[in-house]
Amino acid sequence: MKNKIFLAAILLTPILVVLFSSMYFTFGMSPDGTKNNGVFFNNYFEFNQFKNAEENRDLVEFEDGKWVLSVYVTNMDKSIESIYLMRQLNVALNRDINKLKRIVFYSDNALDIKMIDLQDQYPRIEIIKDKNGTLLDVLQANSNISFIKENPIFVIDPYGRAVMYFDPETDPKLMLKDLKVLI
């Protein structure tokens, strides 16, 4: 008799777990949100819609399968902290350092000389000029903060989809935590 009760308990346990968890979720006791420290963009958009100055190829190539940390520079003084933080996050990823690349976008012609200096200071960073500023317009339209004033770090997945951005006040340790989960 003991074996039959034990066997029934073993057989009913997975069924009860699935039943109670389904009821728990159905009656509104599901998780409230994500645990991301970044902010998702309002609408989904892909980077293959943005072309280079000659309009003959994509602004960014995603053939290497790397995640992208980016900053759109509108004000060099404000964005220098974000650019430095991108490098620090890349270094802190340690063994995953090669799964990530850093890109700086800009469109203002007045920043051309500063970008050359930036390339000298950060040689492993890729600098891309968004000739007509369409990328900035799309970033601004799909975020809750001003990309023009704040110059936040944003993340692009290996397939060219903009994923999220980090509010400038976000703790770098929390950013690193998100990046480790993503990568």
N, C-alpha and C. Protein backbone atom coordinates (compact mmCIF):
# COMPACT_ATOMS: atom_id res chain seq x y z
N MET A 1 0.82 -1.19 0.00
CA MET A 1 0.00 0.00 0.00
C MET A 1 0.87 1.27 0.00
N LYS A 2 2.00 1.20 0.72
CA LYS A 2 2.91 2.34 0.77
C LYS A 2 3.48 2.64 -0.61
N ASN A 3 3.78 1.63 -1.39
CA ASN A 3 4.34 1.82 -2.72
C ASN A 3 3.34 2.50 -3.66
N LYS A 4 2.04 2.17 -3.53
CA LYS A 4 1.03 2.78 -4.38
C LYS A 4 0.88 4.27 -4.07
N ILE A 5 0.93 4.63 -2.82
CA ILE A 5 0.83 6.04 -2.42
C ILE A 5 2.08 6.79 -2.89
N PHE A 6 3.21 6.19 -2.73
CA PHE A 6 4.46 6.81 -3.18
C PHE A 6 4.46 7.00 -4.70
N LEU A 7 4.00 5.98 -5.43
CA LEU A 7 3.92 6.06 -6.89
C LEU A 7 2.94 7.15 -7.32
N ALA A 8 1.81 7.25 -6.66
CA ALA A 8 0.81 8.27 -6.98
C ALA A 8 1.38 9.67 -6.73
N ALA A 9 2.13 9.82 -5.64
CA ALA A 9 2.74 11.11 -5.33
C ALA A 9 3.76 11.50 -6.40
N ILE A 10 4.54 10.55 -6.86
CA ILE A 10 5.53 10.83 -7.90
C ILE A 10 4.85 11.22 -9.20
N LEU A 11 3.79 10.52 -9.57
CA LEU A 11 3.10 10.81 -10.83
C LEU A 11 2.30 12.11 -10.78
N LEU A 12 1.75 12.44 -9.64
CA LEU A 12 0.91 13.64 -9.52
C LEU A 12 1.71 14.92 -9.31
N THR A 13 2.92 14.84 -8.83
CA THR A 13 3.72 16.03 -8.53
C THR A 13 3.93 16.91 -9.76
N PRO A 14 4.39 16.41 -10.89
CA PRO A 14 4.57 17.31 -12.05
C PRO A 14 3.25 17.90 -12.56
N ILE A 15 2.19 17.08 -12.48
CA ILE A 15 0.89 17.57 -12.93
C ILE A 15 0.42 18.71 -12.03
N LEU A 16 0.58 18.57 -10.74
CA LEU A 16 0.16 19.62 -9.80
C LEU A 16 1.01 20.88 -9.96
N VAL A 17 2.29 20.72 -10.23
CA VAL A 17 3.16 21.88 -10.42
C VAL A 17 2.73 22.67 -11.65
N VAL A 18 2.49 21.99 -12.76
CA VAL A 18 2.04 22.66 -13.97
C VAL A 18 0.66 23.30 -13.75
N LEU A 19 -0.24 22.61 -13.12
CA LEU A 19 -1.59 23.12 -12.87
C LEU A 19 -1.56 24.37 -12.00
N PHE A 20 -0.84 24.35 -10.89
CA PHE A 20 -0.79 25.51 -9.99
C PHE A 20 -0.03 26.68 -10.61
N SER A 21 1.03 26.41 -11.33
CA SER A 21 1.75 27.53 -11.96
C SER A 21 0.91 28.17 -13.06
N SER A 22 0.16 27.37 -13.80
CA SER A 22 -0.73 27.93 -14.83
C SER A 22 -1.83 28.77 -14.19
N MET A 23 -2.40 28.29 -13.12
CA MET A 23 -3.45 29.06 -12.42
C MET A 23 -2.86 30.35 -11.84
N TYR A 24 -1.69 30.27 -11.28
CA TYR A 24 -1.02 31.43 -10.71
C TYR A 24 -0.81 32.50 -11.77
N PHE A 25 -0.36 32.09 -12.94
CA PHE A 25 -0.12 33.02 -14.05
C PHE A 25 -1.43 33.55 -14.62
N THR A 26 -2.44 32.69 -14.78
CA THR A 26 -3.73 33.08 -15.36
C THR A 26 -4.47 34.10 -14.51
N PHE A 27 -4.37 34.00 -13.22
CA PHE A 27 -5.10 34.90 -12.33
C PHE A 27 -4.35 36.20 -12.03
N GLY A 28 -3.40 36.54 -12.88
CA GLY A 28 -2.76 37.85 -12.78
C GLY A 28 -1.59 37.94 -11.84
N MET A 29 -1.04 36.86 -11.45
CA MET A 29 0.10 36.91 -10.55
C MET A 29 1.40 36.68 -11.31
N SER A 30 1.44 37.14 -12.55
CA SER A 30 2.62 36.99 -13.39
C SER A 30 3.63 38.07 -13.06
N PRO A 31 4.85 37.95 -13.55
CA PRO A 31 5.85 39.00 -13.31
C PRO A 31 5.39 40.33 -13.88
N ASP A 32 5.73 41.41 -13.19
CA ASP A 32 5.30 42.75 -13.60
C ASP A 32 6.08 43.30 -14.78
N GLY A 33 7.29 42.92 -14.94
CA GLY A 33 8.10 43.48 -16.02
C GLY A 33 9.41 42.73 -16.13
N THR A 34 10.30 43.31 -16.85
CA THR A 34 11.61 42.69 -17.01
C THR A 34 12.55 43.17 -15.92
N LYS A 35 13.65 42.54 -15.84
CA LYS A 35 14.66 42.92 -14.86
C LYS A 35 15.80 43.69 -15.51
N ASN A 36 15.56 44.19 -16.72
CA ASN A 36 16.59 44.95 -17.41
C ASN A 36 16.79 46.29 -16.73
N ASN A 37 18.01 46.74 -16.75
CA ASN A 37 18.33 48.05 -16.21
C ASN A 37 18.32 49.11 -17.30
N GLY A 38 18.35 48.67 -18.55
CA GLY A 38 18.23 49.56 -19.68
C GLY A 38 16.76 49.81 -20.00
N VAL A 39 16.54 50.71 -20.94
CA VAL A 39 15.18 51.05 -21.36
C VAL A 39 15.03 50.60 -22.81
N PHE A 40 13.98 49.83 -23.08
CA PHE A 40 13.74 49.39 -24.45
C PHE A 40 13.26 50.55 -25.29
N PHE A 41 13.62 50.54 -26.56
CA PHE A 41 13.13 51.55 -27.48
C PHE A 41 11.62 51.38 -27.64
N ASN A 42 10.91 52.48 -27.89
CA ASN A 42 9.45 52.44 -28.02
C ASN A 42 9.00 51.55 -29.16
N ASN A 43 9.64 51.65 -30.29
CA ASN A 43 9.29 50.84 -31.46
C ASN A 43 10.53 50.12 -31.96
N TYR A 44 10.29 48.97 -32.53
CA TYR A 44 11.34 48.15 -33.10
C TYR A 44 11.84 48.78 -34.41
N PHE A 45 13.13 48.90 -34.57
CA PHE A 45 13.68 49.36 -35.85
C PHE A 45 15.02 48.70 -36.11
N GLU A 46 15.29 48.51 -37.39
CA GLU A 46 16.52 47.85 -37.81
C GLU A 46 17.48 48.86 -38.41
N PHE A 47 18.75 48.56 -38.30
CA PHE A 47 19.79 49.46 -38.79
C PHE A 47 20.06 49.33 -40.28
N ASN A 48 19.51 48.31 -40.93
CA ASN A 48 19.75 48.18 -42.36
C ASN A 48 19.00 49.23 -43.17
N GLN A 49 18.12 49.99 -42.54
CA GLN A 49 17.42 51.07 -43.24
C GLN A 49 18.28 52.32 -43.39
N PHE A 50 19.38 52.39 -42.67
CA PHE A 50 20.26 53.55 -42.71
C PHE A 50 21.43 53.27 -43.65
N LYS A 51 21.65 54.16 -44.57
CA LYS A 51 22.70 53.96 -45.57
C LYS A 51 23.82 54.97 -45.35
N ASN A 52 24.99 54.67 -45.93
CA ASN A 52 26.13 55.57 -45.81
C ASN A 52 25.92 56.81 -46.68
N ALA A 53 26.89 57.67 -46.72
CA ALA A 53 26.76 58.95 -47.42
C ALA A 53 26.50 58.77 -48.92
N GLU A 54 27.06 57.72 -49.51
CA GLU A 54 26.87 57.49 -50.94
C GLU A 54 25.59 56.72 -51.23
N GLU A 55 24.86 56.30 -50.18
CA GLU A 55 23.61 55.55 -50.29
C GLU A 55 23.77 54.20 -50.99
N ASN A 56 24.97 53.63 -50.95
CA ASN A 56 25.18 52.37 -51.66
C ASN A 56 25.38 51.17 -50.74
N ARG A 57 25.56 51.40 -49.45
CA ARG A 57 25.69 50.28 -48.52
C ARG A 57 25.16 50.69 -47.15
N ASP A 58 24.98 49.68 -46.30
CA ASP A 58 24.44 49.95 -44.96
C ASP A 58 25.42 50.79 -44.14
N LEU A 59 24.86 51.58 -43.25
CA LEU A 59 25.66 52.44 -42.38
C LEU A 59 26.57 51.59 -41.49
N VAL A 60 26.04 50.47 -40.99
CA VAL A 60 26.80 49.56 -40.13
C VAL A 60 26.66 48.15 -40.69
N GLU A 61 27.76 47.43 -40.74
CA GLU A 61 27.76 46.04 -41.20
C GLU A 61 27.67 45.12 -39.98
N PHE A 62 26.79 44.11 -40.05
CA PHE A 62 26.59 43.19 -38.94
C PHE A 62 26.96 41.76 -39.33
N GLU A 63 28.00 41.60 -40.11
CA GLU A 63 28.41 40.29 -40.58
C GLU A 63 29.27 39.54 -39.57
N ASP A 64 29.81 40.23 -38.60
CA ASP A 64 30.72 39.60 -37.66
C ASP A 64 30.03 38.98 -36.45
N GLY A 65 28.72 39.15 -36.30
CA GLY A 65 27.98 38.55 -35.20
C GLY A 65 28.26 39.16 -33.85
N LYS A 66 28.69 40.40 -33.82
CA LYS A 66 29.00 41.06 -32.55
C LYS A 66 27.87 41.99 -32.12
N TRP A 67 27.69 42.11 -30.83
CA TRP A 67 26.80 43.12 -30.27
C TRP A 67 27.50 44.47 -30.41
N VAL A 68 26.72 45.53 -30.42
CA VAL A 68 27.29 46.87 -30.62
C VAL A 68 26.86 47.78 -29.48
N LEU A 69 27.84 48.40 -28.86
CA LEU A 69 27.59 49.49 -27.91
C LEU A 69 27.82 50.78 -28.68
N SER A 70 26.87 51.69 -28.61
CA SER A 70 26.97 52.90 -29.42
C SER A 70 26.62 54.14 -28.64
N VAL A 71 27.13 55.24 -29.14
CA VAL A 71 26.77 56.57 -28.66
C VAL A 71 26.59 57.44 -29.89
N TYR A 72 25.52 58.23 -29.89
CA TYR A 72 25.34 59.21 -30.97
C TYR A 72 25.79 60.55 -30.40
N VAL A 73 26.88 61.08 -30.94
CA VAL A 73 27.48 62.29 -30.41
C VAL A 73 26.83 63.52 -31.03
N THR A 74 26.25 64.35 -30.19
CA THR A 74 25.75 65.66 -30.62
C THR A 74 26.53 66.76 -29.93
N ASN A 75 27.03 66.45 -28.73
CA ASN A 75 27.82 67.39 -27.96
C ASN A 75 29.02 66.60 -27.41
N MET A 76 30.20 66.92 -27.86
CA MET A 76 31.39 66.14 -27.49
C MET A 76 31.63 66.16 -25.99
N ASP A 77 31.41 67.29 -25.34
CA ASP A 77 31.65 67.38 -23.90
C ASP A 77 30.73 66.45 -23.12
N LYS A 78 29.46 66.36 -23.53
CA LYS A 78 28.51 65.48 -22.83
C LYS A 78 28.75 64.02 -23.15
N SER A 79 29.16 63.72 -24.37
CA SER A 79 29.27 62.33 -24.79
C SER A 79 30.60 61.69 -24.40
N ILE A 80 31.58 62.46 -24.02
CA ILE A 80 32.90 61.89 -23.70
C ILE A 80 32.81 60.91 -22.52
N GLU A 81 31.91 61.19 -21.57
CA GLU A 81 31.71 60.27 -20.44
C GLU A 81 31.13 58.95 -20.92
N SER A 82 30.16 59.01 -21.83
CA SER A 82 29.54 57.80 -22.37
C SER A 82 30.55 56.98 -23.18
N ILE A 83 31.40 57.65 -23.94
CA ILE A 83 32.41 56.96 -24.74
C ILE A 83 33.43 56.27 -23.84
N TYR A 84 33.85 56.96 -22.79
CA TYR A 84 34.78 56.37 -21.83
C TYR A 84 34.13 55.18 -21.14
N LEU A 85 32.86 55.33 -20.76
CA LEU A 85 32.14 54.24 -20.10
C LEU A 85 31.99 53.04 -21.02
N MET A 86 31.79 53.26 -22.30
CA MET A 86 31.72 52.15 -23.25
C MET A 86 33.01 51.34 -23.23
N ARG A 87 34.14 52.03 -23.20
CA ARG A 87 35.42 51.33 -23.15
C ARG A 87 35.56 50.55 -21.85
N GLN A 88 35.18 51.15 -20.75
CA GLN A 88 35.28 50.47 -19.46
C GLN A 88 34.38 49.24 -19.41
N LEU A 89 33.18 49.35 -19.95
CA LEU A 89 32.27 48.20 -19.99
C LEU A 89 32.85 47.09 -20.87
N ASN A 90 33.45 47.47 -21.98
CA ASN A 90 34.05 46.50 -22.87
C ASN A 90 35.19 45.76 -22.18
N VAL A 91 36.01 46.46 -21.46
CA VAL A 91 37.12 45.85 -20.73
C VAL A 91 36.60 44.96 -19.60
N ALA A 92 35.54 45.41 -18.92
CA ALA A 92 34.99 44.66 -17.79
C ALA A 92 34.33 43.36 -18.23
N LEU A 93 33.98 43.25 -19.50
CA LEU A 93 33.38 42.00 -19.98
C LEU A 93 34.38 40.85 -20.00
N ASN A 94 35.65 41.17 -19.88
CA ASN A 94 36.72 40.19 -19.75
C ASN A 94 36.75 39.20 -20.90
N ARG A 95 36.32 37.98 -20.71
CA ARG A 95 36.46 36.97 -21.77
C ARG A 95 35.49 37.21 -22.92
N ASP A 96 34.43 37.98 -22.71
CA ASP A 96 33.47 38.28 -23.76
C ASP A 96 33.81 39.56 -24.51
N ILE A 97 35.02 40.06 -24.31
CA ILE A 97 35.43 41.33 -24.89
C ILE A 97 35.36 41.30 -26.42
N ASN A 98 35.57 40.14 -27.02
CA ASN A 98 35.57 40.05 -28.48
C ASN A 98 34.17 39.84 -29.07
N LYS A 99 33.16 39.78 -28.23
CA LYS A 99 31.79 39.63 -28.70
C LYS A 99 31.09 40.98 -28.83
N LEU A 100 31.84 42.05 -28.65
CA LEU A 100 31.25 43.38 -28.61
C LEU A 100 32.13 44.35 -29.39
N LYS A 101 31.50 45.26 -30.12
CA LYS A 101 32.26 46.33 -30.75
C LYS A 101 31.62 47.65 -30.37
N ARG A 102 32.43 48.69 -30.43
CA ARG A 102 31.97 50.02 -30.03
C ARG A 102 31.93 50.93 -31.26
N ILE A 103 30.80 51.63 -31.39
CA ILE A 103 30.63 52.54 -32.53
C ILE A 103 30.15 53.89 -32.02
N VAL A 104 30.73 54.93 -32.58
CA VAL A 104 30.28 56.30 -32.30
C VAL A 104 29.69 56.86 -33.59
N PHE A 105 28.47 57.35 -33.50
CA PHE A 105 27.80 57.99 -34.64
C PHE A 105 27.80 59.50 -34.42
N TYR A 106 27.85 60.23 -35.52
CA TYR A 106 27.71 61.68 -35.45
C TYR A 106 27.25 62.19 -36.80
N SER A 107 26.69 63.39 -36.83
CA SER A 107 26.25 63.96 -38.11
C SER A 107 26.71 65.40 -38.30
N ASP A 108 27.12 66.05 -37.24
CA ASP A 108 27.51 67.46 -37.32
C ASP A 108 28.90 67.60 -37.94
N ASN A 109 28.99 68.38 -39.01
CA ASN A 109 30.29 68.59 -39.67
C ASN A 109 31.31 69.27 -38.77
N ALA A 110 30.83 70.02 -37.79
CA ALA A 110 31.74 70.71 -36.87
C ALA A 110 32.51 69.73 -35.98
N LEU A 111 32.04 68.49 -35.90
CA LEU A 111 32.68 67.49 -35.04
C LEU A 111 33.75 66.67 -35.78
N ASP A 112 33.95 66.92 -37.05
CA ASP A 112 34.90 66.12 -37.84
C ASP A 112 36.30 66.08 -37.23
N ILE A 113 36.83 67.22 -36.84
CA ILE A 113 38.18 67.28 -36.27
C ILE A 113 38.22 66.60 -34.91
N LYS A 114 37.16 66.80 -34.11
CA LYS A 114 37.11 66.15 -32.79
C LYS A 114 37.02 64.64 -32.93
N MET A 115 36.41 64.16 -33.98
CA MET A 115 36.32 62.72 -34.20
C MET A 115 37.68 62.12 -34.54
N ILE A 116 38.50 62.86 -35.23
CA ILE A 116 39.86 62.40 -35.52
C ILE A 116 40.64 62.27 -34.22
N ASP A 117 40.50 63.26 -33.34
CA ASP A 117 41.15 63.19 -32.03
C ASP A 117 40.61 62.02 -31.21
N LEU A 118 39.30 61.80 -31.31
CA LEU A 118 38.67 60.70 -30.57
C LEU A 118 39.21 59.35 -31.07
N GLN A 119 39.39 59.22 -32.37
CA GLN A 119 39.94 57.98 -32.94
C GLN A 119 41.36 57.74 -32.44
N ASP A 120 42.14 58.81 -32.27
CA ASP A 120 43.49 58.67 -31.72
C ASP A 120 43.46 58.24 -30.26
N GLN A 121 42.49 58.76 -29.52
CA GLN A 121 42.38 58.46 -28.10
C GLN A 121 41.82 57.05 -27.87
N TYR A 122 40.88 56.63 -28.70
CA TYR A 122 40.24 55.31 -28.59
C TYR A 122 40.41 54.57 -29.92
N PRO A 123 41.55 53.95 -30.16
CA PRO A 123 41.82 53.36 -31.48
C PRO A 123 40.92 52.19 -31.88
N ARG A 124 40.32 51.49 -30.93
CA ARG A 124 39.48 50.34 -31.27
C ARG A 124 38.01 50.72 -31.45
N ILE A 125 37.72 51.98 -31.48
CA ILE A 125 36.35 52.44 -31.66
C ILE A 125 36.11 52.74 -33.14
N GLU A 126 34.92 52.42 -33.60
CA GLU A 126 34.56 52.70 -34.99
C GLU A 126 33.74 53.99 -35.01
N ILE A 127 34.08 54.90 -35.89
CA ILE A 127 33.38 56.18 -35.98
C ILE A 127 32.67 56.24 -37.33
N ILE A 128 31.36 56.48 -37.26
CA ILE A 128 30.53 56.50 -38.47
C ILE A 128 29.77 57.82 -38.54
N LYS A 129 29.86 58.45 -39.70
CA LYS A 129 29.15 59.71 -39.90
C LYS A 129 27.78 59.42 -40.52
N ASP A 130 26.75 59.86 -39.83
CA ASP A 130 25.37 59.76 -40.30
C ASP A 130 25.10 61.03 -41.09
N LYS A 131 25.36 60.98 -42.37
CA LYS A 131 25.39 62.18 -43.23
C LYS A 131 24.18 63.09 -43.07
N ASN A 132 22.98 62.54 -43.14
CA ASN A 132 21.79 63.39 -43.10
C ASN A 132 21.06 63.37 -41.75
N GLY A 133 21.58 62.66 -40.77
CA GLY A 133 21.00 62.69 -39.43
C GLY A 133 19.73 61.87 -39.26
N THR A 134 19.42 60.97 -40.18
CA THR A 134 18.20 60.19 -40.05
C THR A 134 18.25 59.23 -38.86
N LEU A 135 19.42 58.70 -38.57
CA LEU A 135 19.55 57.81 -37.42
C LEU A 135 19.20 58.55 -36.14
N LEU A 136 19.69 59.75 -35.98
CA LEU A 136 19.38 60.55 -34.79
C LEU A 136 17.88 60.79 -34.68
N ASP A 137 17.23 61.07 -35.77
CA ASP A 137 15.78 61.29 -35.76
C ASP A 137 15.03 60.04 -35.30
N VAL A 138 15.45 58.88 -35.79
CA VAL A 138 14.79 57.63 -35.41
C VAL A 138 15.07 57.31 -33.95
N LEU A 139 16.29 57.50 -33.50
CA LEU A 139 16.62 57.27 -32.08
C LEU A 139 15.79 58.18 -31.18
N GLN A 140 15.69 59.43 -31.57
CA GLN A 140 14.93 60.40 -30.78
C GLN A 140 13.45 60.04 -30.74
N ALA A 141 12.90 59.63 -31.87
CA ALA A 141 11.47 59.30 -31.95
C ALA A 141 11.12 58.04 -31.16
N ASN A 142 12.07 57.13 -30.97
CA ASN A 142 11.79 55.86 -30.30
C ASN A 142 12.28 55.79 -28.86
N SER A 143 12.65 56.91 -28.28
CA SER A 143 13.13 56.90 -26.90
C SER A 143 12.35 57.89 -26.06
N ASN A 144 12.49 57.72 -24.76
CA ASN A 144 11.80 58.60 -23.82
C ASN A 144 12.69 59.74 -23.32
N ILE A 145 13.95 59.74 -23.73
CA ILE A 145 14.86 60.82 -23.34
C ILE A 145 15.38 61.51 -24.59
N SER A 146 16.00 62.62 -24.41
CA SER A 146 16.54 63.37 -25.53
C SER A 146 17.94 62.87 -25.88
N PHE A 147 18.06 62.22 -27.01
CA PHE A 147 19.37 61.76 -27.47
C PHE A 147 20.25 62.95 -27.83
N ILE A 148 19.64 64.07 -28.15
CA ILE A 148 20.40 65.27 -28.51
C ILE A 148 21.08 65.86 -27.28
N LYS A 149 20.40 65.87 -26.15
CA LYS A 149 20.94 66.47 -24.93
C LYS A 149 21.76 65.49 -24.10
N GLU A 150 21.33 64.23 -24.04
CA GLU A 150 21.91 63.27 -23.11
C GLU A 150 23.07 62.46 -23.67
N ASN A 151 23.06 62.12 -24.98
CA ASN A 151 24.07 61.27 -25.60
C ASN A 151 24.26 59.94 -24.84
N PRO A 152 23.16 59.16 -24.65
CA PRO A 152 23.28 57.91 -23.89
C PRO A 152 23.89 56.79 -24.71
N ILE A 153 24.28 55.74 -24.01
CA ILE A 153 24.77 54.53 -24.65
C ILE A 153 23.55 53.71 -25.06
N PHE A 154 23.58 53.19 -26.30
CA PHE A 154 22.52 52.29 -26.72
C PHE A 154 23.12 51.01 -27.28
N VAL A 155 22.30 49.95 -27.31
CA VAL A 155 22.77 48.62 -27.66
C VAL A 155 22.07 48.15 -28.94
N ILE A 156 22.85 47.56 -29.84
CA ILE A 156 22.33 46.98 -31.08
C ILE A 156 22.72 45.51 -31.09
N ASP A 157 21.77 44.63 -31.41
CA ASP A 157 22.06 43.20 -31.40
C ASP A 157 22.84 42.80 -32.66
N PRO A 158 23.34 41.56 -32.71
CA PRO A 158 24.17 41.14 -33.85
C PRO A 158 23.43 41.09 -35.19
N TYR A 159 22.12 41.21 -35.16
CA TYR A 159 21.32 41.16 -36.39
C TYR A 159 20.94 42.55 -36.88
N GLY A 160 21.39 43.58 -36.18
CA GLY A 160 21.13 44.95 -36.62
C GLY A 160 19.87 45.56 -36.08
N ARG A 161 19.34 45.04 -34.98
CA ARG A 161 18.14 45.61 -34.38
C ARG A 161 18.52 46.40 -33.13
N ALA A 162 18.00 47.60 -33.04
CA ALA A 162 18.25 48.41 -31.84
C ALA A 162 17.47 47.79 -30.69
N VAL A 163 18.15 47.50 -29.60
CA VAL A 163 17.55 46.78 -28.49
C VAL A 163 17.12 47.73 -27.38
N MET A 164 18.07 48.42 -26.81
CA MET A 164 17.77 49.28 -25.66
C MET A 164 18.83 50.36 -25.54
N TYR A 165 18.53 51.30 -24.65
CA TYR A 165 19.49 52.34 -24.31
C TYR A 165 19.55 52.45 -22.80
N PHE A 166 20.63 53.01 -22.33
CA PHE A 166 20.82 53.17 -20.89
C PHE A 166 20.66 54.64 -20.53
N ASP A 167 19.83 54.89 -19.56
CA ASP A 167 19.67 56.24 -19.04
C ASP A 167 21.02 56.70 -18.51
N PRO A 168 21.40 57.96 -18.71
CA PRO A 168 22.72 58.42 -18.27
C PRO A 168 22.99 58.25 -16.77
N GLU A 169 21.95 58.19 -15.97
CA GLU A 169 22.15 58.03 -14.52
C GLU A 169 22.25 56.57 -14.09
N THR A 170 22.16 55.63 -15.02
CA THR A 170 22.23 54.22 -14.69
C THR A 170 23.63 53.87 -14.17
N ASP A 171 23.65 53.10 -13.11
CA ASP A 171 24.91 52.66 -12.52
C ASP A 171 25.65 51.75 -13.51
N PRO A 172 26.93 51.99 -13.76
CA PRO A 172 27.69 51.15 -14.70
C PRO A 172 27.69 49.67 -14.34
N LYS A 173 27.61 49.34 -13.08
CA LYS A 173 27.57 47.93 -12.68
C LYS A 173 26.28 47.27 -13.16
N LEU A 174 25.19 48.03 -13.15
CA LEU A 174 23.93 47.49 -13.66
C LEU A 174 23.97 47.36 -15.18
N MET A 175 24.64 48.27 -15.85
CA MET A 175 24.81 48.15 -17.30
C MET A 175 25.60 46.89 -17.62
N LEU A 176 26.67 46.67 -16.89
CA LEU A 176 27.50 45.49 -17.10
C LEU A 176 26.70 44.21 -16.87
N LYS A 177 25.86 44.23 -15.87
CA LYS A 177 25.01 43.07 -15.58
C LYS A 177 24.11 42.76 -16.78
N ASP A 178 23.50 43.79 -17.35
CA ASP A 178 22.65 43.60 -18.54
C ASP A 178 23.45 43.08 -19.72
N LEU A 179 24.62 43.64 -19.94
CA LEU A 179 25.45 43.22 -21.06
C LEU A 179 25.89 41.77 -20.93
N LYS A 180 26.20 41.32 -19.71
CA LYS A 180 26.59 39.94 -19.51
C LYS A 180 25.45 39.00 -19.83
N VAL A 181 24.22 39.40 -19.51
CA VAL A 181 23.06 38.57 -19.82
C VAL A 181 22.83 38.54 -21.33
N LEU A 182 22.96 39.68 -21.99
CA LEU A 182 22.74 39.75 -23.43
C LEU A 182 23.77 38.96 -24.21
N ILE A 183 25.01 39.13 -23.84
CA ILE A 183 26.10 38.54 -24.61
C ILE A 183 26.34 37.12 -24.14
